[in-house]
C-alpha atoms as a PDB file:
ATOM      1  CA  MET A   1      27.486   8.108   2.798  1.00  0.00           C
ATOM      2  CA  ASN A   2      27.631   6.007   0.087  1.00  0.00           C
ATOM      3  CA  GLU A   3      27.253   6.747  -3.379  1.00  0.00           C
ATOM      4  CA  MET A   4      23.031   6.959  -3.064  1.00  0.00           C
ATOM      5  CA  THR A   5      20.931   3.956  -5.118  1.00  0.00           C
ATOM      6  CA  CYS A   6      17.622   3.989  -5.824  1.00  0.00           C
ATOM      7  CA  GLU A   7      17.731   0.952  -2.617  1.00  0.00           C
ATOM      8  CA  SER A   8      19.120   3.299  -0.101  1.00  0.00           C
ATOM      9  CA  GLY A   9      17.099   6.266  -1.643  1.00  0.00           C
ATOM     10  CA  VAL A  10      13.536   4.636  -1.424  1.00  0.00           C
ATOM     11  CA  LYS A  11      14.577   3.644   2.142  1.00  0.00           C
ATOM     12  CA  LEU A  12      14.746   8.150   2.944  1.00  0.00           C
ATOM     13  CA  LEU A  13      11.263   8.769   0.810  1.00  0.00           C
ATOM     14  CA  MET A  14       9.681   9.619   3.838  1.00  0.00           C
ATOM     15  CA  GLU A  15      12.262  10.828   4.985  1.00  0.00           C
ATOM     16  CA  TYR A  16      12.873  13.306   2.461  1.00  0.00           C
ATOM     17  CA  LEU A  17       9.900  14.386   1.350  1.00  0.00           C
ATOM     18  CA  GLU A  18       9.281  15.497   4.615  1.00  0.00           C
ATOM     19  CA  GLY A  19      12.351  18.008   4.469  1.00  0.00           C
ATOM     20  CA  THR A  20      13.325  15.897   7.586  1.00  0.00           C
ATOM     21  CA  LEU A  21      17.098  15.058   6.046  1.00  0.00           C
ATOM     22  CA  ALA A  22      20.611  16.163   7.384  1.00  0.00           C
ATOM     23  CA  GLY A  23      21.187  18.248   4.877  1.00  0.00           C
ATOM     24  CA  ASP A  24      23.951  16.884   3.227  1.00  0.00           C
ATOM     25  CA  VAL A  25      22.023  13.240   2.868  1.00  0.00           C
ATOM     26  CA  ARG A  26      19.116  15.247   0.863  1.00  0.00           C
ATOM     27  CA  ALA A  27      21.522  17.119  -0.987  1.00  0.00           C
ATOM     28  CA  GLU A  28      22.066  13.256  -1.909  1.00  0.00           C
ATOM     29  CA  VAL A  29      19.432  12.058  -2.972  1.00  0.00           C
ATOM     30  CA  GLU A  30      18.429  15.207  -4.516  1.00  0.00           C
ATOM     31  CA  ALA A  31      21.938  14.389  -6.278  1.00  0.00           C
ATOM     32  CA  HIS A  32      20.771  10.711  -7.695  1.00  0.00           C
ATOM     33  CA  VAL A  33      16.723  12.219  -8.253  1.00  0.00           C
ATOM     34  CA  ALA A  34      18.311  14.480 -11.290  1.00  0.00           C
ATOM     35  CA  ALA A  35      20.124  11.571 -12.804  1.00  0.00           C
ATOM     36  CA  CYS A  36      17.477   8.827 -12.402  1.00  0.00           C
ATOM     37  CA  PRO A  37      14.543   8.994 -14.127  1.00  0.00           C
ATOM     38  CA  ARG A  38      12.179   6.020 -12.116  1.00  0.00           C
ATOM     39  CA  CYS A  39      13.183   7.605  -9.298  1.00  0.00           C
ATOM     40  CA  VAL A  40      11.732  11.097 -10.342  1.00  0.00           C
ATOM     41  CA  ALA A  41       8.983   8.857 -11.764  1.00  0.00           C
ATOM     42  CA  PHE A  42       8.748   6.812  -8.558  1.00  0.00           C
ATOM     43  CA  ILE A  43       8.165   9.975  -6.773  1.00  0.00           C
ATOM     44  CA  ALA A  44       5.724  11.410  -8.713  1.00  0.00           C
ATOM     45  CA  SER A  45       3.559   8.654  -7.846  1.00  0.00           C
ATOM     46  CA  TYR A  46       4.292   8.042  -4.674  1.00  0.00           C
ATOM     47  CA  ARG A  47       3.304  12.253  -4.586  1.00  0.00           C
ATOM     48  CA  GLU A  48       0.057  11.377  -5.706  1.00  0.00           C
ATOM     49  CA  THR A  49      -1.127   8.824  -4.176  1.00  0.00           C
ATOM     50  CA  PRO A  50      -2.394  10.219  -1.223  1.00  0.00           C
ATOM     51  CA  ARG A  51      -5.038  13.106  -4.305  1.00  0.00           C
ATOM     52  CA  LEU A  52      -5.502   9.325  -6.023  1.00  0.00           C
ATOM     53  CA  VAL A  53      -7.669   7.873  -2.858  1.00  0.00           C
ATOM     54  CA  ARG A  54      -9.143  11.036  -1.734  1.00  0.00           C
ATOM     55  CA  GLU A  55     -10.767  11.411  -5.529  1.00  0.00           C
ATOM     56  CA  LEU A  56     -11.505   7.122  -4.447  1.00  0.00           C
ATOM     57  CA  THR A  57     -15.720   7.502  -4.527  1.00  0.00           C
ATOM     58  CA  ALA A  58     -17.515   3.938  -2.162  1.00  0.00           C
ATOM     59  CA  ALA A  59     -19.549   2.560  -5.069  1.00  0.00           C
ATOM     60  CA  GLU A  60     -22.548   1.423  -4.874  1.00  0.00           C
ATOM     61  CA  ILE A  61     -22.493  -2.679  -4.216  1.00  0.00           C
ATOM     62  CA  PRO A  62     -26.149  -4.287  -5.768  1.00  0.00           C
ATOM     63  CA  ALA A  63     -29.033  -5.420  -3.344  1.00  0.00           C
ATOM     64  CA  ASP A  64     -28.871  -8.555  -4.762  1.00  0.00           C
ATOM     65  CA  LEU A  65     -25.234  -9.178  -4.881  1.00  0.00           C
ATOM     66  CA  VAL A  66     -24.822  -8.273  -1.361  1.00  0.00           C
ATOM     67  CA  ALA A  67     -27.801 -10.913  -0.140  1.00  0.00           C
ATOM     68  CA  SER A  68     -25.700 -13.906  -2.289  1.00  0.00           C
ATOM     69  CA  LEU A  69     -22.654 -12.473  -0.335  1.00  0.00           C
ATOM     70  CA  ARG A  70     -23.920 -13.276   3.087  1.00  0.00           C
ATOM     71  CA  VAL A  71     -26.501 -15.881   2.477  1.00  0.00           C
ATOM     72  CA  HIS A  72     -22.614 -17.720   0.634  1.00  0.00           C
ATOM     73  CA  LEU A  73     -21.018 -16.059   3.762  1.00  0.00           C
ATOM     74  CA  ARG A  74     -23.420 -18.093   6.288  1.00  0.00           C
ATOM     75  CA  ALA A  75     -23.283 -21.116   4.770  1.00  0.00           C
ATOM     76  CA  HIS A  76     -18.911 -21.035   5.201  1.00  0.00           C
ATOM     77  CA  ARG A  77     -19.623 -19.775   8.476  1.00  0.00           C
ATOM     78  CA  ARG A  78     -22.063 -23.108   9.229  1.00  0.00           C
ATOM     79  CA  GLU A  79     -19.418 -25.344   7.538  1.00  0.00           C
ATOM     80  CA  SER A  80     -16.163 -23.674   9.312  1.00  0.00           C
ATOM     81  CA  ARG A  81     -18.148 -24.365  12.329  1.00  0.00           C
ATOM     82  CA  LEU A  82     -18.867 -27.902  11.471  1.00  0.00           C
ATOM     83  CA  SER A  83     -15.020 -29.345  10.260  1.00  0.00           C
ATOM     84  CA  THR A  84     -13.834 -28.004  13.495  1.00  0.00           C
ATOM     85  CA  SER A  85     -16.667 -29.293  16.097  1.00  0.00           C
ATOM     86  CA  ARG A  86     -15.996 -32.640  13.929  1.00  0.00           C
ATOM     87  CA  TRP A  87     -12.351 -32.601  14.878  1.00  0.00           C
ATOM     88  CA  ASN A  88     -12.607 -31.886  17.900  1.00  0.00           C
ATOM     89  CA  ARG A  89     -14.022 -34.957  19.029  1.00  0.00           C
ATOM     90  CA  ARG A  90     -11.265 -37.379  17.294  1.00  0.00           C
END
């Protein structure tokens, strides 16, 4: 493999994190990461993302907002159907 770059390392990230890279390629990735603060930060954020997603909780949507959205969506659907039927008549 040629000299490792941030771009080529990102393409190997999943395999690197899963531990499925061949030893020589893994060593190249690790050597690059050891000298690249940007890649260290990228890998840390990549590892952190699933944990953050798990911690998210569903936000409670106020009932009046839900009702308002439904009214607007129904109106939009009606409007879209009318526009389509007018277009088909031409």
